[in-house]
Amino acid sequence: MKNNFWFIVACVLVFFVGYNMNDTALSLSKYKVAVIDVPEILSHSSEMQALKREQDKSLEELNVLISKAQNELLNEKDRTKILQKEAQYRKQIAAKKESIDKQFGDKIAKINDNIRIVIDKEARKSNYNLVLPTGMVISGGEDITDSVIKKMK
């Protein structure tokens, strides 16, 4: 009997604590949420467009190297020379691809940091507490995509 009494008291206390926490959460009306369309921002980024052109140029150079290797290997008759040249070209192609990937990764990280800084400044200026990508939000939030795009230019 005594155990049931303390169990009921504990349940009532938990109920009131939860109810009061809910009231506190609802009273935070000054909490502002912004949403941002990340693909839209990336498509308007001049840095990203320049990186894409640079990436296309690098991939074209890699394709030229691959074509050159294929032509040389097709024209070679000696089996040992074919194997030597193939190994040499594989190393060159792998090194070139690794270099392209590393440069691309470093530049993407820098672009992301720059975009994040612009978004953070815009959010602080407008007193937003949270900025989420539009793909994660079903409803709500103020869209600040256009103002961020203007700040990036």
N, C-alpha and C. Protein backbone atom coordinates (compact mmCIF):
# COMPACT_ATOMS: atom_id res chain seq x y z
N MET A 1 0.83 -1.19 0.00
CA MET A 1 0.00 0.00 0.00
C MET A 1 0.87 1.25 0.00
N LYS A 2 1.91 1.23 0.85
CA LYS A 2 2.79 2.38 0.94
C LYS A 2 3.55 2.58 -0.37
N ASN A 3 3.93 1.48 -1.05
CA ASN A 3 4.64 1.56 -2.32
C ASN A 3 3.75 2.15 -3.41
N ASN A 4 2.50 1.79 -3.42
CA ASN A 4 1.56 2.33 -4.40
C ASN A 4 1.38 3.83 -4.22
N PHE A 5 1.36 4.29 -2.98
CA PHE A 5 1.21 5.71 -2.71
C PHE A 5 2.39 6.48 -3.28
N TRP A 6 3.62 6.02 -3.06
CA TRP A 6 4.80 6.72 -3.55
C TRP A 6 4.87 6.66 -5.08
N PHE A 7 4.42 5.57 -5.66
CA PHE A 7 4.37 5.45 -7.11
C PHE A 7 3.42 6.48 -7.71
N ILE A 8 2.25 6.64 -7.10
CA ILE A 8 1.25 7.62 -7.57
C ILE A 8 1.79 9.03 -7.42
N VAL A 9 2.46 9.32 -6.30
CA VAL A 9 3.04 10.66 -6.09
C VAL A 9 4.10 10.93 -7.15
N ALA A 10 4.95 9.95 -7.45
CA ALA A 10 5.99 10.12 -8.46
C ALA A 10 5.38 10.37 -9.84
N CYS A 11 4.33 9.63 -10.18
CA CYS A 11 3.66 9.83 -11.48
C CYS A 11 3.06 11.22 -11.60
N VAL A 12 2.44 11.71 -10.52
CA VAL A 12 1.85 13.04 -10.53
C VAL A 12 2.94 14.10 -10.69
N LEU A 13 4.07 13.93 -10.00
CA LEU A 13 5.18 14.88 -10.12
C LEU A 13 5.75 14.90 -11.54
N VAL A 14 5.92 13.73 -12.13
CA VAL A 14 6.43 13.65 -13.50
C VAL A 14 5.46 14.32 -14.46
N PHE A 15 4.16 14.13 -14.26
CA PHE A 15 3.16 14.76 -15.10
C PHE A 15 3.27 16.28 -15.02
N PHE A 16 3.36 16.83 -13.80
CA PHE A 16 3.43 18.29 -13.64
C PHE A 16 4.73 18.86 -14.18
N VAL A 17 5.83 18.15 -14.00
CA VAL A 17 7.11 18.63 -14.55
C VAL A 17 7.02 18.66 -16.07
N GLY A 18 6.49 17.60 -16.68
CA GLY A 18 6.34 17.57 -18.13
C GLY A 18 5.40 18.64 -18.64
N TYR A 19 4.33 18.87 -17.95
CA TYR A 19 3.37 19.90 -18.34
C TYR A 19 4.01 21.28 -18.29
N ASN A 20 4.77 21.56 -17.24
CA ASN A 20 5.43 22.86 -17.12
C ASN A 20 6.52 23.04 -18.16
N MET A 21 7.21 21.97 -18.52
CA MET A 21 8.23 22.08 -19.57
C MET A 21 7.57 22.40 -20.91
N ASN A 22 6.43 21.84 -21.17
CA ASN A 22 5.70 22.11 -22.39
C ASN A 22 5.29 23.58 -22.45
N ASP A 23 4.84 24.14 -21.34
CA ASP A 23 4.49 25.55 -21.30
C ASP A 23 5.70 26.42 -21.58
N THR A 24 6.85 26.04 -21.05
CA THR A 24 8.08 26.80 -21.28
C THR A 24 8.46 26.76 -22.75
N ALA A 25 8.36 25.58 -23.36
CA ALA A 25 8.72 25.45 -24.78
C ALA A 25 7.79 26.28 -25.66
N LEU A 26 6.52 26.32 -25.33
CA LEU A 26 5.58 27.10 -26.12
C LEU A 26 5.75 28.60 -25.93
N SER A 27 6.32 29.00 -24.82
CA SER A 27 6.45 30.43 -24.56
C SER A 27 7.68 31.04 -25.23
N LEU A 28 8.49 30.25 -25.90
CA LEU A 28 9.67 30.77 -26.58
C LEU A 28 9.29 31.29 -27.97
N SER A 29 8.51 32.31 -28.03
CA SER A 29 8.01 32.81 -29.31
C SER A 29 9.06 33.61 -30.08
N LYS A 30 10.15 33.98 -29.45
CA LYS A 30 11.17 34.77 -30.13
C LYS A 30 12.15 33.90 -30.90
N TYR A 31 11.91 32.63 -30.94
CA TYR A 31 12.77 31.71 -31.65
C TYR A 31 12.43 31.77 -33.14
N LYS A 32 13.39 32.19 -33.97
CA LYS A 32 13.15 32.36 -35.39
C LYS A 32 13.92 31.33 -36.21
N VAL A 33 13.23 30.76 -37.19
CA VAL A 33 13.83 29.74 -38.04
C VAL A 33 13.81 30.23 -39.49
N ALA A 34 14.95 30.05 -40.16
CA ALA A 34 15.04 30.40 -41.57
C ALA A 34 15.30 29.12 -42.36
N VAL A 35 14.87 29.14 -43.61
CA VAL A 35 15.17 28.03 -44.50
C VAL A 35 15.94 28.56 -45.71
N ILE A 36 16.72 27.67 -46.31
CA ILE A 36 17.56 28.08 -47.42
C ILE A 36 17.62 26.96 -48.45
N ASP A 37 17.53 27.32 -49.72
CA ASP A 37 17.58 26.36 -50.82
C ASP A 37 19.04 26.21 -51.25
N VAL A 38 19.70 25.17 -50.75
CA VAL A 38 21.13 24.98 -50.98
C VAL A 38 21.46 24.79 -52.47
N PRO A 39 20.74 23.94 -53.21
CA PRO A 39 21.07 23.81 -54.64
C PRO A 39 20.94 25.13 -55.41
N GLU A 40 19.96 25.94 -55.03
CA GLU A 40 19.79 27.24 -55.69
C GLU A 40 21.00 28.14 -55.41
N ILE A 41 21.48 28.12 -54.19
CA ILE A 41 22.64 28.94 -53.83
C ILE A 41 23.87 28.46 -54.58
N LEU A 42 24.06 27.14 -54.65
CA LEU A 42 25.21 26.60 -55.36
C LEU A 42 25.15 26.92 -56.85
N SER A 43 23.96 26.92 -57.43
CA SER A 43 23.86 27.22 -58.86
C SER A 43 24.14 28.69 -59.16
N HIS A 44 23.94 29.57 -58.19
CA HIS A 44 24.22 31.00 -58.39
C HIS A 44 25.61 31.41 -57.93
N SER A 45 26.36 30.49 -57.35
CA SER A 45 27.69 30.81 -56.85
C SER A 45 28.68 30.93 -58.00
N SER A 46 29.31 32.09 -58.12
CA SER A 46 30.29 32.28 -59.19
C SER A 46 31.51 31.39 -58.94
N GLU A 47 31.86 31.17 -57.66
CA GLU A 47 32.98 30.29 -57.34
C GLU A 47 32.69 28.86 -57.81
N MET A 48 31.46 28.41 -57.60
CA MET A 48 31.08 27.06 -57.98
C MET A 48 31.07 26.91 -59.50
N GLN A 49 30.61 27.93 -60.20
CA GLN A 49 30.61 27.88 -61.66
C GLN A 49 32.03 27.83 -62.20
N ALA A 50 32.93 28.62 -61.60
CA ALA A 50 34.33 28.60 -62.02
C ALA A 50 34.97 27.24 -61.73
N LEU A 51 34.62 26.66 -60.60
CA LEU A 51 35.15 25.34 -60.26
C LEU A 51 34.66 24.29 -61.25
N LYS A 52 33.42 24.39 -61.65
CA LYS A 52 32.87 23.43 -62.62
C LYS A 52 33.61 23.54 -63.95
N ARG A 53 33.87 24.76 -64.41
CA ARG A 53 34.61 24.95 -65.67
C ARG A 53 36.03 24.37 -65.53
N GLU A 54 36.66 24.63 -64.40
CA GLU A 54 38.00 24.11 -64.16
C GLU A 54 38.00 22.57 -64.10
N GLN A 55 36.99 22.02 -63.46
CA GLN A 55 36.86 20.57 -63.36
C GLN A 55 36.66 19.95 -64.75
N ASP A 56 35.83 20.58 -65.57
CA ASP A 56 35.61 20.09 -66.94
C ASP A 56 36.90 20.11 -67.75
N LYS A 57 37.68 21.16 -67.59
CA LYS A 57 38.95 21.28 -68.30
C LYS A 57 39.91 20.18 -67.84
N SER A 58 39.98 19.95 -66.54
CA SER A 58 40.87 18.91 -66.01
C SER A 58 40.44 17.53 -66.48
N LEU A 59 39.16 17.27 -66.51
CA LEU A 59 38.68 15.97 -66.98
C LEU A 59 38.93 15.78 -68.47
N GLU A 60 38.87 16.87 -69.23
CA GLU A 60 39.18 16.79 -70.66
C GLU A 60 40.66 16.44 -70.85
N GLU A 61 41.54 17.04 -70.04
CA GLU A 61 42.97 16.71 -70.11
C GLU A 61 43.19 15.23 -69.76
N LEU A 62 42.46 14.73 -68.79
CA LEU A 62 42.57 13.33 -68.41
C LEU A 62 42.09 12.43 -69.55
N ASN A 63 41.02 12.81 -70.19
CA ASN A 63 40.51 12.04 -71.33
C ASN A 63 41.51 12.03 -72.49
N VAL A 64 42.20 13.14 -72.71
CA VAL A 64 43.23 13.20 -73.76
C VAL A 64 44.36 12.24 -73.44
N LEU A 65 44.76 12.21 -72.16
CA LEU A 65 45.83 11.30 -71.74
C LEU A 65 45.40 9.84 -71.94
N ILE A 66 44.17 9.53 -71.61
CA ILE A 66 43.66 8.17 -71.78
C ILE A 66 43.61 7.80 -73.27
N SER A 67 43.15 8.71 -74.11
CA SER A 67 43.10 8.45 -75.56
C SER A 67 44.51 8.24 -76.12
N LYS A 68 45.44 9.05 -75.67
CA LYS A 68 46.83 8.91 -76.12
C LYS A 68 47.38 7.54 -75.72
N ALA A 69 47.09 7.12 -74.51
CA ALA A 69 47.56 5.82 -74.04
C ALA A 69 46.94 4.69 -74.86
N GLN A 70 45.66 4.79 -75.12
CA GLN A 70 45.00 3.75 -75.90
C GLN A 70 45.59 3.65 -77.31
N ASN A 71 45.81 4.79 -77.94
CA ASN A 71 46.37 4.79 -79.29
C ASN A 71 47.77 4.20 -79.32
N GLU A 72 48.59 4.58 -78.36
CA GLU A 72 49.96 4.05 -78.32
C GLU A 72 49.96 2.55 -78.08
N LEU A 73 49.10 2.10 -77.20
CA LEU A 73 49.06 0.67 -76.90
C LEU A 73 48.53 -0.14 -78.07
N LEU A 74 47.59 0.43 -78.82
CA LEU A 74 47.06 -0.27 -80.00
C LEU A 74 48.10 -0.38 -81.11
N ASN A 75 48.97 0.63 -81.22
CA ASN A 75 49.97 0.66 -82.29
C ASN A 75 51.23 -0.13 -81.95
N GLU A 76 51.40 -0.48 -80.70
CA GLU A 76 52.59 -1.22 -80.27
C GLU A 76 52.42 -2.71 -80.57
N LYS A 77 53.46 -3.33 -81.10
CA LYS A 77 53.41 -4.75 -81.46
C LYS A 77 54.09 -5.64 -80.41
N ASP A 78 55.12 -5.12 -79.78
CA ASP A 78 55.90 -5.91 -78.81
C ASP A 78 55.12 -6.05 -77.50
N ARG A 79 54.90 -7.28 -77.05
CA ARG A 79 54.09 -7.56 -75.85
C ARG A 79 54.70 -6.98 -74.58
N THR A 80 56.01 -7.05 -74.42
CA THR A 80 56.65 -6.53 -73.20
C THR A 80 56.56 -5.00 -73.15
N LYS A 81 56.73 -4.37 -74.31
CA LYS A 81 56.61 -2.91 -74.35
C LYS A 81 55.17 -2.47 -74.05
N ILE A 82 54.22 -3.26 -74.52
CA ILE A 82 52.81 -2.95 -74.24
C ILE A 82 52.57 -2.98 -72.73
N LEU A 83 53.08 -4.01 -72.07
CA LEU A 83 52.89 -4.13 -70.61
C LEU A 83 53.59 -2.99 -69.86
N GLN A 84 54.79 -2.62 -70.31
CA GLN A 84 55.53 -1.53 -69.67
C GLN A 84 54.79 -0.19 -69.84
N LYS A 85 54.38 0.07 -71.07
CA LYS A 85 53.68 1.34 -71.33
C LYS A 85 52.33 1.37 -70.61
N GLU A 86 51.66 0.23 -70.56
CA GLU A 86 50.37 0.18 -69.87
C GLU A 86 50.53 0.50 -68.39
N ALA A 87 51.55 -0.07 -67.78
CA ALA A 87 51.82 0.20 -66.36
C ALA A 87 52.17 1.68 -66.16
N GLN A 88 52.98 2.21 -67.06
CA GLN A 88 53.38 3.62 -66.97
C GLN A 88 52.15 4.54 -67.11
N TYR A 89 51.30 4.27 -68.07
CA TYR A 89 50.11 5.10 -68.27
C TYR A 89 49.12 4.95 -67.11
N ARG A 90 49.00 3.75 -66.57
CA ARG A 90 48.11 3.56 -65.42
C ARG A 90 48.55 4.44 -64.25
N LYS A 91 49.86 4.48 -64.02
CA LYS A 91 50.39 5.33 -62.94
C LYS A 91 50.11 6.81 -63.21
N GLN A 92 50.36 7.22 -64.45
CA GLN A 92 50.13 8.63 -64.81
C GLN A 92 48.66 8.99 -64.65
N ILE A 93 47.78 8.12 -65.14
CA ILE A 93 46.34 8.40 -65.07
C ILE A 93 45.87 8.42 -63.62
N ALA A 94 46.34 7.48 -62.83
CA ALA A 94 45.95 7.44 -61.41
C ALA A 94 46.44 8.68 -60.66
N ALA A 95 47.68 9.09 -60.94
CA ALA A 95 48.22 10.29 -60.28
C ALA A 95 47.44 11.53 -60.70
N LYS A 96 47.12 11.63 -61.98
CA LYS A 96 46.36 12.79 -62.49
C LYS A 96 44.96 12.82 -61.86
N LYS A 97 44.30 11.66 -61.80
CA LYS A 97 42.97 11.60 -61.22
C LYS A 97 43.00 11.95 -59.73
N GLU A 98 43.98 11.44 -59.03
CA GLU A 98 44.11 11.75 -57.60
C GLU A 98 44.34 13.24 -57.38
N SER A 99 45.16 13.83 -58.23
CA SER A 99 45.43 15.27 -58.14
C SER A 99 44.16 16.09 -58.39
N ILE A 100 43.41 15.69 -59.41
CA ILE A 100 42.15 16.38 -59.73
C ILE A 100 41.17 16.27 -58.57
N ASP A 101 41.04 15.05 -58.02
CA ASP A 101 40.11 14.84 -56.90
C ASP A 101 40.51 15.65 -55.68
N LYS A 102 41.80 15.71 -55.38
CA LYS A 102 42.26 16.46 -54.20
C LYS A 102 42.00 17.96 -54.38
N GLN A 103 42.34 18.49 -55.55
CA GLN A 103 42.09 19.91 -55.82
C GLN A 103 40.61 20.23 -55.73
N PHE A 104 39.79 19.36 -56.32
CA PHE A 104 38.34 19.57 -56.30
C PHE A 104 37.82 19.55 -54.86
N GLY A 105 38.25 18.59 -54.07
CA GLY A 105 37.81 18.50 -52.67
C GLY A 105 38.22 19.72 -51.86
N ASP A 106 39.46 20.18 -52.05
CA ASP A 106 39.93 21.36 -51.31
C ASP A 106 39.13 22.60 -51.69
N LYS A 107 38.86 22.76 -52.97
CA LYS A 107 38.13 23.94 -53.43
C LYS A 107 36.66 23.89 -53.01
N ILE A 108 36.07 22.71 -53.04
CA ILE A 108 34.67 22.57 -52.58
C ILE A 108 34.58 22.93 -51.10
N ALA A 109 35.54 22.48 -50.31
CA ALA A 109 35.53 22.80 -48.87
C ALA A 109 35.64 24.31 -48.66
N LYS A 110 36.48 24.97 -49.44
CA LYS A 110 36.64 26.43 -49.32
C LYS A 110 35.34 27.15 -49.72
N ILE A 111 34.73 26.70 -50.81
CA ILE A 111 33.47 27.31 -51.27
C ILE A 111 32.38 27.11 -50.22
N ASN A 112 32.29 25.90 -49.66
CA ASN A 112 31.30 25.64 -48.61
C ASN A 112 31.52 26.54 -47.40
N ASP A 113 32.78 26.74 -47.02
CA ASP A 113 33.07 27.62 -45.89
C ASP A 113 32.63 29.06 -46.19
N ASN A 114 32.92 29.53 -47.41
CA ASN A 114 32.53 30.89 -47.78
C ASN A 114 31.00 31.06 -47.77
N ILE A 115 30.29 30.07 -48.32
CA ILE A 115 28.83 30.13 -48.35
C ILE A 115 28.28 30.08 -46.93
N ARG A 116 28.86 29.24 -46.10
CA ARG A 116 28.42 29.13 -44.71
C ARG A 116 28.62 30.46 -43.96
N ILE A 117 29.70 31.14 -44.25
CA ILE A 117 29.96 32.44 -43.61
C ILE A 117 28.89 33.46 -44.03
N VAL A 118 28.56 33.48 -45.32
CA VAL A 118 27.53 34.41 -45.82
C VAL A 118 26.18 34.10 -45.17
N ILE A 119 25.84 32.82 -45.10
CA ILE A 119 24.56 32.41 -44.49
C ILE A 119 24.54 32.80 -43.02
N ASP A 120 25.64 32.58 -42.33
CA ASP A 120 25.71 32.91 -40.90
C ASP A 120 25.55 34.41 -40.68
N LYS A 121 26.21 35.22 -41.50
CA LYS A 121 26.08 36.68 -41.37
C LYS A 121 24.64 37.13 -41.61
N GLU A 122 24.02 36.57 -42.64
CA GLU A 122 22.63 36.94 -42.96
C GLU A 122 21.69 36.50 -41.83
N ALA A 123 21.93 35.34 -41.28
CA ALA A 123 21.08 34.84 -40.19
C ALA A 123 21.25 35.71 -38.94
N ARG A 124 22.46 36.08 -38.62
CA ARG A 124 22.69 36.94 -37.44
C ARG A 124 22.08 38.33 -37.64
N LYS A 125 22.22 38.85 -38.86
CA LYS A 125 21.67 40.18 -39.14
C LYS A 125 20.16 40.21 -38.94
N SER A 126 19.49 39.13 -39.34
CA SER A 126 18.03 39.08 -39.25
C SER A 126 17.54 38.38 -37.98
N ASN A 127 18.46 38.10 -37.06
CA ASN A 127 18.14 37.49 -35.76
C ASN A 127 17.49 36.12 -35.87
N TYR A 128 17.99 35.28 -36.77
CA TYR A 128 17.50 33.91 -36.85
C TYR A 128 18.31 33.05 -35.90
N ASN A 129 17.62 32.15 -35.20
CA ASN A 129 18.29 31.24 -34.28
C ASN A 129 18.73 29.96 -34.97
N LEU A 130 18.07 29.62 -36.07
CA LEU A 130 18.32 28.36 -36.74
C LEU A 130 18.09 28.52 -38.24
N VAL A 131 19.00 27.95 -39.04
CA VAL A 131 18.85 27.95 -40.50
C VAL A 131 18.92 26.50 -40.96
N LEU A 132 17.89 26.08 -41.68
CA LEU A 132 17.80 24.70 -42.17
C LEU A 132 17.66 24.69 -43.69
N PRO A 133 18.15 23.62 -44.34
CA PRO A 133 17.91 23.50 -45.78
C PRO A 133 16.44 23.20 -46.05
N THR A 134 15.92 23.70 -47.14
CA THR A 134 14.49 23.53 -47.44
C THR A 134 14.10 22.07 -47.58
N GLY A 135 15.02 21.22 -47.96
CA GLY A 135 14.72 19.80 -48.10
C GLY A 135 14.42 19.11 -46.78
N MET A 136 14.81 19.72 -45.67
CA MET A 136 14.57 19.12 -44.36
C MET A 136 13.32 19.66 -43.69
N VAL A 137 12.72 20.70 -44.25
CA VAL A 137 11.59 21.37 -43.61
C VAL A 137 10.32 21.09 -44.40
N ILE A 138 9.32 20.63 -43.70
CA ILE A 138 8.03 20.37 -44.36
C ILE A 138 7.21 21.64 -44.40
N SER A 139 7.22 22.37 -43.30
CA SER A 139 6.41 23.58 -43.23
C SER A 139 7.08 24.56 -42.27
N GLY A 140 6.96 25.84 -42.58
CA GLY A 140 7.46 26.88 -41.69
C GLY A 140 8.83 27.40 -42.09
N GLY A 141 9.27 28.39 -41.35
CA GLY A 141 10.55 29.02 -41.62
C GLY A 141 10.45 30.07 -42.69
N GLU A 142 11.29 31.08 -42.58
CA GLU A 142 11.33 32.15 -43.57
C GLU A 142 12.46 31.87 -44.55
N ASP A 143 12.17 31.95 -45.83
CA ASP A 143 13.15 31.65 -46.86
C ASP A 143 14.09 32.85 -47.04
N ILE A 144 15.38 32.62 -46.82
CA ILE A 144 16.38 33.70 -46.96
C ILE A 144 17.32 33.43 -48.13
N THR A 145 16.92 32.55 -49.03
CA THR A 145 17.78 32.16 -50.16
C THR A 145 18.14 33.37 -51.02
N ASP A 146 17.16 34.19 -51.38
CA ASP A 146 17.43 35.32 -52.27
C ASP A 146 18.39 36.34 -51.65
N SER A 147 18.22 36.60 -50.36
CA SER A 147 19.11 37.59 -49.71
C SER A 147 20.54 37.04 -49.61
N VAL A 148 20.69 35.75 -49.43
CA VAL A 148 22.03 35.16 -49.38
C VAL A 148 22.68 35.22 -50.76
N ILE A 149 21.89 34.94 -51.81
CA ILE A 149 22.42 35.02 -53.17
C ILE A 149 22.89 36.44 -53.48
N LYS A 150 22.13 37.44 -53.07
CA LYS A 150 22.53 38.83 -53.31
C LYS A 150 23.82 39.16 -52.57
N LYS A 151 23.99 38.65 -51.36
CA LYS A 151 25.20 38.92 -50.57
C LYS A 151 26.43 38.24 -51.17
N MET A 152 26.22 37.12 -51.86
CA MET A 152 27.35 36.40 -52.44
C MET A 152 27.92 37.12 -53.66
N LYS A 153 27.12 37.95 -54.30
CA LYS A 153 27.60 38.62 -55.54
C LYS A 153 28.36 39.85 -55.24
